[in-house]
Amino acid sequence: MQKSLVNITLAVVTEEVEIILESYPKYPYQEAFSLSGLRQDLIAYVLSRVPNRYTAIDVSGEYVSAQAVQFRCSSEQLLEIEDLIHTGIRDVLHSHDAIDYRVWEQVKPCSTVATWFR
């Protein structure tokens, strides 16, 4: 019987990242984290700050479903993960300078600076 170690915290964090990113605006957050590198950085950010749980599963040539390695977090653990995801979104974006936080105003090509303040 061949067994393999599986980080079951990874599945929880990955699922929560997906859910939380859906609640953020498409630009700049969803677009920035659609790049797999930044998304992986966010997941690594969270995983490095929470206790990870592992399980050994039988991998005797058969496909192992995600439900076979399902893990239940306490509500306290889940809140900690969610908080870390929100913090990680900010920290990862700032460390990578991936987005421009300024909101650009549309300026008409024929306008002058003097007309902007009328």
PDB file of N, CA and C in Angstrom:
ATOM      1  N   MET A   1       0.844  -1.167   0.000  1.00  0.00           N
ATOM      2  CA  MET A   1       0.000   0.000   0.000  1.00  0.00           C
ATOM      3  C   MET A   1       0.897   1.240   0.000  1.00  0.00           C
ATOM      4  N   GLN A   2       0.764   2.054  -1.037  1.00  0.00           N
ATOM      5  CA  GLN A   2       1.557   3.265  -1.155  1.00  0.00           C
ATOM      6  C   GLN A   2       0.756   4.450  -0.624  1.00  0.00           C
ATOM      7  N   LYS A   3       1.407   5.275   0.189  1.00  0.00           N
ATOM      8  CA  LYS A   3       0.736   6.442   0.765  1.00  0.00           C
ATOM      9  C   LYS A   3       1.473   7.706   0.365  1.00  0.00           C
ATOM     10  N   SER A   4       0.719   8.781   0.385  1.00  0.00           N
ATOM     11  CA  SER A   4       1.284  10.085   0.050  1.00  0.00           C
ATOM     12  C   SER A   4       0.804  11.106   1.075  1.00  0.00           C
ATOM     13  N   LEU A   5       1.669  12.064   1.404  1.00  0.00           N
ATOM     14  CA  LEU A   5       1.289  13.131   2.322  1.00  0.00           C
ATOM     15  C   LEU A   5       0.572  14.233   1.558  1.00  0.00           C
ATOM     16  N   VAL A   6      -0.504  14.717   2.152  1.00  0.00           N
ATOM     17  CA  VAL A   6      -1.286  15.780   1.541  1.00  0.00           C
ATOM     18  C   VAL A   6      -1.465  16.897   2.558  1.00  0.00           C
ATOM     19  N   ASN A   7      -1.159  18.135   2.147  1.00  0.00           N
ATOM     20  CA  ASN A   7      -1.378  19.308   2.996  1.00  0.00           C
ATOM     21  C   ASN A   7      -2.850  19.685   2.857  1.00  0.00           C
ATOM     22  N   ILE A   8      -3.645  19.346   3.853  1.00  0.00           N
ATOM     23  CA  ILE A   8      -5.084  19.609   3.756  1.00  0.00           C
ATOM     24  C   ILE A   8      -5.421  21.066   4.049  1.00  0.00           C
ATOM     25  N   THR A   9      -4.512  21.787   4.682  1.00  0.00           N
ATOM     26  CA  THR A   9      -4.727  23.225   4.895  1.00  0.00           C
ATOM     27  C   THR A   9      -4.669  23.962   3.562  1.00  0.00           C
ATOM     28  N   LEU A  10      -3.845  23.482   2.651  1.00  0.00           N
ATOM     29  CA  LEU A  10      -3.727  24.099   1.329  1.00  0.00           C
ATOM     30  C   LEU A  10      -5.070  24.147   0.619  1.00  0.00           C
ATOM     31  N   ALA A  11      -5.834  23.075   0.691  1.00  0.00           N
ATOM     32  CA  ALA A  11      -7.140  23.041   0.026  1.00  0.00           C
ATOM     33  C   ALA A  11      -8.089  24.078   0.631  1.00  0.00           C
ATOM     34  N   VAL A  12      -8.073  24.208   1.945  1.00  0.00           N
ATOM     35  CA  VAL A  12      -8.949  25.172   2.614  1.00  0.00           C
ATOM     36  C   VAL A  12      -8.559  26.593   2.226  1.00  0.00           C
ATOM     37  N   VAL A  13      -7.254  26.892   2.272  1.00  0.00           N
ATOM     38  CA  VAL A  13      -6.779  28.239   1.956  1.00  0.00           C
ATOM     39  C   VAL A  13      -7.070  28.573   0.502  1.00  0.00           C
ATOM     40  N   THR A  14      -6.826  27.650  -0.404  1.00  0.00           N
ATOM     41  CA  THR A  14      -7.079  27.896  -1.830  1.00  0.00           C
ATOM     42  C   THR A  14      -8.550  28.188  -2.076  1.00  0.00           C
ATOM     43  N   GLU A  15      -9.433  27.428  -1.460  1.00  0.00           N
ATOM     44  CA  GLU A  15     -10.875  27.651  -1.624  1.00  0.00           C
ATOM     45  C   GLU A  15     -11.284  29.004  -1.060  1.00  0.00           C
ATOM     46  N   GLU A  16     -10.768  29.363   0.105  1.00  0.00           N
ATOM     47  CA  GLU A  16     -11.113  30.650   0.717  1.00  0.00           C
ATOM     48  C   GLU A  16     -10.575  31.824  -0.101  1.00  0.00           C
ATOM     49  N   VAL A  17      -9.391  31.677  -0.683  1.00  0.00           N
ATOM     50  CA  VAL A  17      -8.842  32.726  -1.546  1.00  0.00           C
ATOM     51  C   VAL A  17      -9.783  32.971  -2.717  1.00  0.00           C
ATOM     52  N   GLU A  18     -10.267  31.894  -3.336  1.00  0.00           N
ATOM     53  CA  GLU A  18     -11.198  32.024  -4.462  1.00  0.00           C
ATOM     54  C   GLU A  18     -12.457  32.783  -4.043  1.00  0.00           C
ATOM     55  N   ILE A  19     -13.030  32.397  -2.920  1.00  0.00           N
ATOM     56  CA  ILE A  19     -14.275  33.012  -2.439  1.00  0.00           C
ATOM     57  C   ILE A  19     -14.060  34.487  -2.124  1.00  0.00           C
ATOM     58  N   ILE A  20     -12.987  34.794  -1.407  1.00  0.00           N
ATOM     59  CA  ILE A  20     -12.745  36.177  -0.989  1.00  0.00           C
ATOM     60  C   ILE A  20     -12.402  37.063  -2.177  1.00  0.00           C
ATOM     61  N   LEU A  21     -11.592  36.570  -3.105  1.00  0.00           N
ATOM     62  CA  LEU A  21     -11.252  37.396  -4.271  1.00  0.00           C
ATOM     63  C   LEU A  21     -12.484  37.737  -5.100  1.00  0.00           C
ATOM     64  N   GLU A  22     -13.467  36.847  -5.125  1.00  0.00           N
ATOM     65  CA  GLU A  22     -14.707  37.139  -5.860  1.00  0.00           C
ATOM     66  C   GLU A  22     -15.444  38.333  -5.272  1.00  0.00           C
ATOM     67  N   SER A  23     -15.229  38.621  -3.991  1.00  0.00           N
ATOM     68  CA  SER A  23     -15.914  39.748  -3.354  1.00  0.00           C
ATOM     69  C   SER A  23     -15.198  41.074  -3.600  1.00  0.00           C
ATOM     70  N   TYR A  24     -13.987  41.017  -4.140  1.00  0.00           N
ATOM     71  CA  TYR A  24     -13.225  42.240  -4.430  1.00  0.00           C
ATOM     72  C   TYR A  24     -13.560  42.729  -5.840  1.00  0.00           C
ATOM     73  N   PRO A  25     -13.354  44.021  -6.099  1.00  0.00           N
ATOM     74  CA  PRO A  25     -13.589  44.538  -7.459  1.00  0.00           C
ATOM     75  C   PRO A  25     -12.678  43.860  -8.483  1.00  0.00           C
ATOM     76  N   LYS A  26     -13.202  43.742  -9.701  1.00  0.00           N
ATOM     77  CA  LYS A  26     -12.431  43.102 -10.775  1.00  0.00           C
ATOM     78  C   LYS A  26     -11.098  43.803 -10.967  1.00  0.00           C
ATOM     79  N   TYR A  27     -11.152  45.142 -11.052  1.00  0.00           N
ATOM     80  CA  TYR A  27      -9.911  45.914 -11.137  1.00  0.00           C
ATOM     81  C   TYR A  27      -9.749  46.672  -9.844  1.00  0.00           C
ATOM     82  N   PRO A  28      -8.655  46.619  -9.229  1.00  0.00           N
ATOM     83  CA  PRO A  28      -7.410  45.996  -9.661  1.00  0.00           C
ATOM     84  C   PRO A  28      -7.194  44.603  -9.092  1.00  0.00           C
ATOM     85  N   TYR A  29      -8.008  44.198  -8.114  1.00  0.00           N
ATOM     86  CA  TYR A  29      -7.701  43.001  -7.329  1.00  0.00           C
ATOM     87  C   TYR A  29      -7.836  41.696  -8.111  1.00  0.00           C
ATOM     88  N   GLN A  30      -8.999  41.439  -8.696  1.00  0.00           N
ATOM     89  CA  GLN A  30      -9.176  40.166  -9.393  1.00  0.00           C
ATOM     90  C   GLN A  30      -8.228  40.057 -10.575  1.00  0.00           C
ATOM     91  N   GLU A  31      -8.009  41.177 -11.269  1.00  0.00           N
ATOM     92  CA  GLU A  31      -7.089  41.137 -12.404  1.00  0.00           C
ATOM     93  C   GLU A  31      -5.662  40.867 -11.942  1.00  0.00           C
ATOM     94  N   ALA A  32      -5.247  41.517 -10.862  1.00  0.00           N
ATOM     95  CA  ALA A  32      -3.876  41.333 -10.366  1.00  0.00           C
ATOM     96  C   ALA A  32      -3.657  39.892  -9.916  1.00  0.00           C
ATOM     97  N   PHE A  33      -4.650  39.321  -9.241  1.00  0.00           N
ATOM     98  CA  PHE A  33      -4.488  37.967  -8.726  1.00  0.00           C
ATOM     99  C   PHE A  33      -4.921  36.898  -9.723  1.00  0.00           C
ATOM    100  N   SER A  34      -5.331  37.299 -10.925  1.00  0.00           N
ATOM    101  CA  SER A  34      -5.598  36.291 -11.946  1.00  0.00           C
ATOM    102  C   SER A  34      -4.280  35.734 -12.472  1.00  0.00           C
ATOM    103  N   LEU A  35      -3.208  36.507 -12.290  1.00  0.00           N
ATOM    104  CA  LEU A  35      -1.885  36.004 -12.627  1.00  0.00           C
ATOM    105  C   LEU A  35      -1.545  34.922 -11.612  1.00  0.00           C
ATOM    106  N   SER A  36      -1.254  33.754 -12.094  1.00  0.00           N
ATOM    107  CA  SER A  36      -1.066  32.631 -11.170  1.00  0.00           C
ATOM    108  C   SER A  36       0.074  32.878 -10.190  1.00  0.00           C
ATOM    109  N   GLY A  37       1.081  33.626 -10.583  1.00  0.00           N
ATOM    110  CA  GLY A  37       2.200  33.895  -9.683  1.00  0.00           C
ATOM    111  C   GLY A  37       1.778  34.658  -8.452  1.00  0.00           C
ATOM    112  N   LEU A  38       0.990  35.718  -8.638  1.00  0.00           N
ATOM    113  CA  LEU A  38       0.529  36.492  -7.482  1.00  0.00           C
ATOM    114  C   LEU A  38      -0.447  35.697  -6.636  1.00  0.00           C
ATOM    115  N   ARG A  39      -1.278  34.925  -7.265  1.00  0.00           N
ATOM    116  CA  ARG A  39      -2.224  34.085  -6.514  1.00  0.00           C
ATOM    117  C   ARG A  39      -1.452  33.067  -5.674  1.00  0.00           C
ATOM    118  N   GLN A  40      -0.418  32.479  -6.253  1.00  0.00           N
ATOM    119  CA  GLN A  40       0.409  31.532  -5.510  1.00  0.00           C
ATOM    120  C   GLN A  40       1.146  32.225  -4.366  1.00  0.00           C
ATOM    121  N   ASP A  41       1.593  33.470  -4.603  1.00  0.00           N
ATOM    122  CA  ASP A  41       2.240  34.236  -3.529  1.00  0.00           C
ATOM    123  C   ASP A  41       1.263  34.491  -2.384  1.00  0.00           C
ATOM    124  N   LEU A  42       0.014  34.787  -2.717  1.00  0.00           N
ATOM    125  CA  LEU A  42      -1.003  35.020  -1.684  1.00  0.00           C
ATOM    126  C   LEU A  42      -1.258  33.746  -0.882  1.00  0.00           C
ATOM    127  N   ILE A  43      -1.385  32.627  -1.573  1.00  0.00           N
ATOM    128  CA  ILE A  43      -1.614  31.356  -0.885  1.00  0.00           C
ATOM    129  C   ILE A  43      -0.416  31.024   0.012  1.00  0.00           C
ATOM    130  N   ALA A  44       0.793  31.243  -0.482  1.00  0.00           N
ATOM    131  CA  ALA A  44       1.993  30.986   0.322  1.00  0.00           C
ATOM    132  C   ALA A  44       2.048  31.923   1.532  1.00  0.00           C
ATOM    133  N   TYR A  45       1.634  33.173   1.334  1.00  0.00           N
ATOM    134  CA  TYR A  45       1.590  34.153   2.425  1.00  0.00           C
ATOM    135  C   TYR A  45       0.721  33.627   3.565  1.00  0.00           C
ATOM    136  N   VAL A  46      -0.459  33.140   3.229  1.00  0.00           N
ATOM    137  CA  VAL A  46      -1.384  32.645   4.250  1.00  0.00           C
ATOM    138  C   VAL A  46      -0.863  31.351   4.874  1.00  0.00           C
ATOM    139  N   LEU A  47      -0.430  30.414   4.040  1.00  0.00           N
ATOM    140  CA  LEU A  47       0.040  29.119   4.561  1.00  0.00           C
ATOM    141  C   LEU A  47       1.232  29.267   5.502  1.00  0.00           C
ATOM    142  N   SER A  48       2.061  30.280   5.271  1.00  0.00           N
ATOM    143  CA  SER A  48       3.230  30.456   6.128  1.00  0.00           C
ATOM    144  C   SER A  48       2.873  31.066   7.481  1.00  0.00           C
ATOM    145  N   ARG A  49       1.617  31.475   7.643  1.00  0.00           N
ATOM    146  CA  ARG A  49       1.192  32.123   8.876  1.00  0.00           C
ATOM    147  C   ARG A  49       0.153  31.336   9.675  1.00  0.00           C
ATOM    148  N   VAL A  50      -0.217  30.160   9.193  1.00  0.00           N
ATOM    149  CA  VAL A  50      -1.178  29.326   9.918  1.00  0.00           C
ATOM    150  C   VAL A  50      -0.574  27.941  10.126  1.00  0.00           C
ATOM    151  N   PRO A  51      -1.024  27.253  11.174  1.00  0.00           N
ATOM    152  CA  PRO A  51      -0.563  25.867  11.342  1.00  0.00           C
ATOM    153  C   PRO A  51      -1.121  25.002  10.205  1.00  0.00           C
ATOM    154  N   ASN A  52      -0.248  24.262   9.567  1.00  0.00           N
ATOM    155  CA  ASN A  52      -0.671  23.398   8.469  1.00  0.00           C
ATOM    156  C   ASN A  52      -0.937  21.997   9.001  1.00  0.00           C
ATOM    157  N   ARG A  53      -1.964  21.357   8.431  1.00  0.00           N
ATOM    158  CA  ARG A  53      -2.319  19.993   8.819  1.00  0.00           C
ATOM    159  C   ARG A  53      -2.113  19.087   7.626  1.00  0.00           C
ATOM    160  N   TYR A  54      -1.600  17.917   7.903  1.00  0.00           N
ATOM    161  CA  TYR A  54      -1.302  16.949   6.856  1.00  0.00           C
ATOM    162  C   TYR A  54      -2.011  15.638   7.163  1.00  0.00           C
ATOM    163  N   THR A  55      -2.242  14.876   6.115  1.00  0.00           N
ATOM    164  CA  THR A  55      -2.770  13.535   6.277  1.00  0.00           C
ATOM    165  C   THR A  55      -2.065  12.621   5.275  1.00  0.00           C
ATOM    166  N   ALA A  56      -1.981  11.365   5.619  1.00  0.00           N
ATOM    167  CA  ALA A  56      -1.424  10.369   4.711  1.00  0.00           C
ATOM    168  C   ALA A  56      -2.594   9.657   4.048  1.00  0.00           C
ATOM    169  N   ILE A  57      -2.588   9.621   2.726  1.00  0.00           N
ATOM    170  CA  ILE A  57      -3.678   8.967   2.001  1.00  0.00           C
ATOM    171  C   ILE A  57      -3.122   7.839   1.147  1.00  0.00           C
ATOM    172  N   ASP A  58      -3.965   6.854   0.929  1.00  0.00           N
ATOM    173  CA  ASP A  58      -3.614   5.715   0.095  1.00  0.00           C
ATOM    174  C   ASP A  58      -3.696   6.138  -1.365  1.00  0.00           C
ATOM    175  N   VAL A  59      -2.625   5.981  -2.091  1.00  0.00           N
ATOM    176  CA  VAL A  59      -2.599   6.356  -3.506  1.00  0.00           C
ATOM    177  C   VAL A  59      -2.257   5.152  -4.373  1.00  0.00           C
ATOM    178  N   SER A  60      -2.875   4.051  -4.093  1.00  0.00           N
ATOM    179  CA  SER A  60      -2.567   2.804  -4.804  1.00  0.00           C
ATOM    180  C   SER A  60      -3.103   2.809  -6.234  1.00  0.00           C
ATOM    181  N   GLY A  61      -2.680   3.824  -7.000  1.00  0.00           N
ATOM    182  CA  GLY A  61      -3.039   3.865  -8.407  1.00  0.00           C
ATOM    183  C   GLY A  61      -4.428   4.388  -8.699  1.00  0.00           C
ATOM    184  N   GLU A  62      -5.225   4.682  -7.692  1.00  0.00           N
ATOM    185  CA  GLU A  62      -6.583   5.169  -7.917  1.00  0.00           C
ATOM    186  C   GLU A  62      -6.632   6.673  -7.720  1.00  0.00           C
ATOM    187  N   TYR A  63      -7.592   7.297  -8.385  1.00  0.00           N
ATOM    188  CA  TYR A  63      -7.816   8.726  -8.228  1.00  0.00           C
ATOM    189  C   TYR A  63      -8.372   8.987  -6.838  1.00  0.00           C
ATOM    190  N   VAL A  64      -7.807   9.960  -6.157  1.00  0.00           N
ATOM    191  CA  VAL A  64      -8.271  10.316  -4.812  1.00  0.00           C
ATOM    192  C   VAL A  64      -9.101  11.582  -4.926  1.00  0.00           C
ATOM    193  N   SER A  65     -10.348  11.505  -4.515  1.00  0.00           N
ATOM    194  CA  SER A  65     -11.217  12.679  -4.607  1.00  0.00           C
ATOM    195  C   SER A  65     -10.872  13.684  -3.519  1.00  0.00           C
ATOM    196  N   ALA A  66     -11.249  14.935  -3.754  1.00  0.00           N
ATOM    197  CA  ALA A  66     -11.003  15.989  -2.781  1.00  0.00           C
ATOM    198  C   ALA A  66     -11.768  15.714  -1.496  1.00  0.00           C
ATOM    199  N   GLN A  67     -12.909  15.065  -1.598  1.00  0.00           N
ATOM    200  CA  GLN A  67     -13.705  14.776  -0.406  1.00  0.00           C
ATOM    201  C   GLN A  67     -13.013  13.756   0.491  1.00  0.00           C
ATOM    202  N   ALA A  68     -12.152  12.940  -0.074  1.00  0.00           N
ATOM    203  CA  ALA A  68     -11.455  11.938   0.729  1.00  0.00           C
ATOM    204  C   ALA A  68     -10.476  12.577   1.702  1.00  0.00           C
ATOM    205  N   VAL A  69     -10.018  13.787   1.389  1.00  0.00           N
ATOM    206  CA  VAL A  69      -9.071  14.474   2.255  1.00  0.00           C
ATOM    207  C   VAL A  69      -9.683  15.757   2.812  1.00  0.00           C
ATOM    208  N   GLN A  70     -10.973  15.767   2.955  1.00  0.00           N
ATOM    209  CA  GLN A  70     -11.669  16.950   3.441  1.00  0.00           C
ATOM    210  C   GLN A  70     -11.259  17.263   4.873  1.00  0.00           C
ATOM    211  N   PHE A  71     -11.185  18.529   5.164  1.00  0.00           N
ATOM    212  CA  PHE A  71     -10.730  18.986   6.473  1.00  0.00           C
ATOM    213  C   PHE A  71     -11.690  20.054   6.959  1.00  0.00           C
ATOM    214  N   ARG A  72     -12.089  19.938   8.193  1.00  0.00           N
ATOM    215  CA  ARG A  72     -12.981  20.920   8.798  1.00  0.00           C
ATOM    216  C   ARG A  72     -12.185  21.824   9.722  1.00  0.00           C
ATOM    217  N   CYS A  73     -12.283  23.122   9.490  1.00  0.00           N
ATOM    218  CA  CYS A  73     -11.647  24.109  10.363  1.00  0.00           C
ATOM    219  C   CYS A  73     -12.655  24.554  11.407  1.00  0.00           C
ATOM    220  N   SER A  74     -12.143  24.939  12.553  1.00  0.00           N
ATOM    221  CA  SER A  74     -13.028  25.575  13.523  1.00  0.00           C
ATOM    222  C   SER A  74     -13.356  26.962  12.983  1.00  0.00           C
ATOM    223  N   SER A  75     -14.421  27.549  13.480  1.00  0.00           N
ATOM    224  CA  SER A  75     -14.788  28.888  13.008  1.00  0.00           C
ATOM    225  C   SER A  75     -13.688  29.891  13.342  1.00  0.00           C
ATOM    226  N   GLU A  76     -12.985  29.679  14.442  1.00  0.00           N
ATOM    227  CA  GLU A  76     -11.878  30.566  14.811  1.00  0.00           C
ATOM    228  C   GLU A  76     -10.739  30.455  13.799  1.00  0.00           C
ATOM    229  N   GLN A  77     -10.409  29.219  13.397  1.00  0.00           N
ATOM    230  CA  GLN A  77      -9.354  29.008  12.406  1.00  0.00           C
ATOM    231  C   GLN A  77      -9.744  29.607  11.056  1.00  0.00           C
ATOM    232  N   LEU A  78     -10.994  29.429  10.684  1.00  0.00           N
ATOM    233  CA  LEU A  78     -11.469  29.954   9.406  1.00  0.00           C
ATOM    234  C   LEU A  78     -11.426  31.483   9.399  1.00  0.00           C
ATOM    235  N   LEU A  79     -11.812  32.116  10.492  1.00  0.00           N
ATOM    236  CA  LEU A  79     -11.743  33.575  10.589  1.00  0.00           C
ATOM    237  C   LEU A  79     -10.293  34.058  10.506  1.00  0.00           C
ATOM    238  N   GLU A  80      -9.390  33.323  11.123  1.00  0.00           N
ATOM    239  CA  GLU A  80      -7.973  33.681  11.050  1.00  0.00           C
ATOM    240  C   GLU A  80      -7.473  33.588   9.609  1.00  0.00           C
ATOM    241  N   ILE A  81      -7.853  32.526   8.915  1.00  0.00           N
ATOM    242  CA  ILE A  81      -7.458  32.360   7.514  1.00  0.00           C
ATOM    243  C   ILE A  81      -8.036  33.483   6.664  1.00  0.00           C
ATOM    244  N   GLU A  82      -9.308  33.802   6.859  1.00  0.00           N
ATOM    245  CA  GLU A  82      -9.941  34.874   6.090  1.00  0.00           C
ATOM    246  C   GLU A  82      -9.259  36.212   6.347  1.00  0.00           C
ATOM    247  N   ASP A  83      -8.939  36.494   7.604  1.00  0.00           N
ATOM    248  CA  ASP A  83      -8.260  37.737   7.950  1.00  0.00           C
ATOM    249  C   ASP A  83      -6.884  37.799   7.294  1.00  0.00           C
ATOM    250  N   LEU A  84      -6.168  36.689   7.321  1.00  0.00           N
ATOM    251  CA  LEU A  84      -4.854  36.640   6.687  1.00  0.00           C
ATOM    252  C   LEU A  84      -4.939  36.815   5.175  1.00  0.00           C
ATOM    253  N   ILE A  85      -5.998  36.330   4.568  1.00  0.00           N
ATOM    254  CA  ILE A  85      -6.169  36.509   3.114  1.00  0.00           C
ATOM    255  C   ILE A  85      -6.356  37.984   2.802  1.00  0.00           C
ATOM    256  N   HIS A  86      -7.214  38.661   3.563  1.00  0.00           N
ATOM    257  CA  HIS A  86      -7.425  40.097   3.334  1.00  0.00           C
ATOM    258  C   HIS A  86      -6.123  40.875   3.540  1.00  0.00           C
ATOM    259  N   THR A  87      -5.401  40.561   4.598  1.00  0.00           N
ATOM    260  CA  THR A  87      -4.120  41.226   4.857  1.00  0.00           C
ATOM    261  C   THR A  87      -3.117  40.880   3.763  1.00  0.00           C
ATOM    262  N   GLY A  88      -3.111  39.627   3.360  1.00  0.00           N
ATOM    263  CA  GLY A  88      -2.191  39.178   2.323  1.00  0.00           C
ATOM    264  C   GLY A  88      -2.444  39.832   0.981  1.00  0.00           C
ATOM    265  N   ILE A  89      -3.702  40.059   0.649  1.00  0.00           N
ATOM    266  CA  ILE A  89      -4.027  40.737  -0.611  1.00  0.00           C
ATOM    267  C   ILE A  89      -3.329  42.089  -0.642  1.00  0.00           C
ATOM    268  N   ARG A  90      -3.450  42.835   0.435  1.00  0.00           N
ATOM    269  CA  ARG A  90      -2.821  44.159   0.512  1.00  0.00           C
ATOM    270  C   ARG A  90      -1.301  44.036   0.480  1.00  0.00           C
ATOM    271  N   ASP A  91      -0.741  43.155   1.316  1.00  0.00           N
ATOM    272  CA  ASP A  91       0.712  43.047   1.424  1.00  0.00           C
ATOM    273  C   ASP A  91       1.364  42.529   0.144  1.00  0.00           C
ATOM    274  N   VAL A  92       0.762  41.525  -0.476  1.00  0.00           N
ATOM    275  CA  VAL A  92       1.334  40.968  -1.706  1.00  0.00           C
ATOM    276  C   VAL A  92       1.303  42.005  -2.829  1.00  0.00           C
ATOM    277  N   LEU A  93       0.194  42.735  -2.934  1.00  0.00           N
ATOM    278  CA  LEU A  93       0.115  43.760  -3.977  1.00  0.00           C
ATOM    279  C   LEU A  93       1.134  44.861  -3.745  1.00  0.00           C
ATOM    280  N   HIS A  94       1.279  45.296  -2.511  1.00  0.00           N
ATOM    281  CA  HIS A  94       2.246  46.354  -2.219  1.00  0.00           C
ATOM    282  C   HIS A  94       3.678  45.883  -2.453  1.00  0.00           C
ATOM    283  N   SER A  95       3.973  44.659  -2.109  1.00  0.00           N
ATOM    284  CA  SER A  95       5.339  44.173  -2.275  1.00  0.00           C
ATOM    285  C   SER A  95       5.692  43.947  -3.745  1.00  0.00           C
ATOM    286  N   HIS A  96       4.706  43.743  -4.584  1.00  0.00           N
ATOM    287  CA  HIS A  96       4.978  43.498  -6.001  1.00  0.00           C
ATOM    288  C   HIS A  96       4.725  44.721  -6.873  1.00  0.00           C
ATOM    289  N   ASP A  97       4.177  45.783  -6.270  1.00  0.00           N
ATOM    290  CA  ASP A  97       3.849  46.985  -7.050  1.00  0.00           C
ATOM    291  C   ASP A  97       3.104  46.622  -8.322  1.00  0.00           C
ATOM    292  N   ALA A  98       2.141  45.703  -8.181  1.00  0.00           N
ATOM    293  CA  ALA A  98       1.442  45.171  -9.344  1.00  0.00           C
ATOM    294  C   ALA A  98       0.338  46.080  -9.851  1.00  0.00           C
ATOM    295  N   ILE A  99      -0.091  47.024  -9.018  1.00  0.00           N
ATOM    296  CA  ILE A  99      -1.207  47.849  -9.458  1.00  0.00           C
ATOM    297  C   ILE A  99      -0.940  49.316  -9.186  1.00  0.00           C
ATOM    298  N   ASP A 100      -1.632  50.148  -9.867  1.00  0.00           N
ATOM    299  CA  ASP A 100      -1.592  51.586  -9.661  1.00  0.00           C
ATOM    300  C   ASP A 100      -2.864  51.947  -8.914  1.00  0.00           C
ATOM    301  N   TYR A 101      -2.714  52.430  -7.682  1.00  0.00           N
ATOM    302  CA  TYR A 101      -3.879  52.697  -6.848  1.00  0.00           C
ATOM    303  C   TYR A 101      -4.585  53.995  -7.197  1.00  0.00           C
ATOM    304  N   ARG A 102      -3.989  54.817  -8.020  1.00  0.00           N
ATOM    305  CA  ARG A 102      -4.610  56.088  -8.360  1.00  0.00           C
ATOM    306  C   ARG A 102      -5.771  55.869  -9.312  1.00  0.00           C
ATOM    307  N   VAL A 103      -6.815  56.622  -9.114  1.00  0.00           N
ATOM    308  CA  VAL A 103      -7.958  56.575 -10.026  1.00  0.00           C
ATOM    309  C   VAL A 103      -7.761  57.695 -11.029  1.00  0.00           C
ATOM    310  N   TRP A 104      -7.619  57.301 -12.270  1.00  0.00           N
ATOM    311  CA  TRP A 104      -7.376  58.299 -13.306  1.00  0.00           C
ATOM    312  C   TRP A 104      -8.686  58.894 -13.777  1.00  0.00           C
ATOM    313  N   GLU A 105      -8.701  60.195 -13.853  1.00  0.00           N
ATOM    314  CA  GLU A 105      -9.880  60.918 -14.322  1.00  0.00           C
ATOM    315  C   GLU A 105      -9.755  61.069 -15.829  1.00  0.00           C
ATOM    316  N   GLN A 106     -10.871  60.930 -16.513  1.00  0.00           N
ATOM    317  CA  GLN A 106     -10.876  61.130 -17.959  1.00  0.00           C
ATOM    318  C   GLN A 106     -10.733  62.623 -18.251  1.00  0.00           C
ATOM    319  N   VAL A 107      -9.748  62.970 -19.041  1.00  0.00           N
ATOM    320  CA  VAL A 107      -9.508  64.359 -19.407  1.00  0.00           C
ATOM    321  C   VAL A 107      -9.728  64.471 -20.909  1.00  0.00           C
ATOM    322  N   LYS A 108     -10.520  65.469 -21.277  1.00  0.00           N
ATOM    323  CA  LYS A 108     -10.766  65.689 -22.701  1.00  0.00           C
ATOM    324  C   LYS A 108      -9.499  66.224 -23.351  1.00  0.00           C
ATOM    325  N   PRO A 109      -9.185  65.761 -24.548  1.00  0.00           N
ATOM    326  CA  PRO A 109      -7.945  66.162 -25.203  1.00  0.00           C
ATOM    327  C   PRO A 109      -7.806  67.665 -25.399  1.00  0.00           C
ATOM    328  N   CYS A 110      -8.911  68.376 -25.564  1.00  0.00           N
ATOM    329  CA  CYS A 110      -8.824  69.811 -25.827  1.00  0.00           C
ATOM    330  C   CYS A 110      -8.901  70.648 -24.556  1.00  0.00           C
ATOM    331  N   SER A 111      -9.022  70.045 -23.395  1.00  0.00           N
ATOM    332  CA  SER A 111      -9.145  70.827 -22.166  1.00  0.00           C
ATOM    333  C   SER A 111      -7.780  71.310 -21.693  1.00  0.00           C
ATOM    334  N   THR A 112      -7.806  72.382 -20.947  1.00  0.00           N
ATOM    335  CA  THR A 112      -6.583  72.926 -20.360  1.00  0.00           C
ATOM    336  C   THR A 112      -6.701  72.846 -18.856  1.00  0.00           C
ATOM    337  N   VAL A 113      -5.592  73.016 -18.189  1.00  0.00           N
ATOM    338  CA  VAL A 113      -5.582  72.917 -16.737  1.00  0.00           C
ATOM    339  C   VAL A 113      -6.546  73.935 -16.132  1.00  0.00           C
ATOM    340  N   ALA A 114      -6.635  75.124 -16.694  1.00  0.00           N
ATOM    341  CA  ALA A 114      -7.493  76.181 -16.149  1.00  0.00           C
ATOM    342  C   ALA A 114      -8.967  75.767 -16.172  1.00  0.00           C
ATOM    343  N   THR A 115      -9.372  74.916 -17.119  1.00  0.00           N
ATOM    344  CA  THR A 115     -10.778  74.524 -17.210  1.00  0.00           C
ATOM    345  C   THR A 115     -11.137  73.391 -16.264  1.00  0.00           C
ATOM    346  N   TRP A 116     -10.171  72.742 -15.681  1.00  0.00           N
ATOM    347  CA  TRP A 116     -10.436  71.610 -14.800  1.00  0.00           C
ATOM    348  C   TRP A 116     -11.102  72.039 -13.496  1.00  0.00           C
ATOM    349  N   PHE A 117     -10.896  73.287 -13.078  1.00  0.00           N
ATOM    350  CA  PHE A 117     -11.357  73.738 -11.766  1.00  0.00           C
ATOM    351  C   PHE A 117     -12.596  74.613 -11.830  1.00  0.00           C
ATOM    352  N   ARG A 118     -13.274  74.627 -12.910  1.00  0.00           N
ATOM    353  CA  ARG A 118     -14.473  75.452 -13.040  1.00  0.00           C
ATOM    354  C   ARG A 118     -15.662  74.781 -12.431  1.00  0.00           C
TER     355      ARG A 118
END
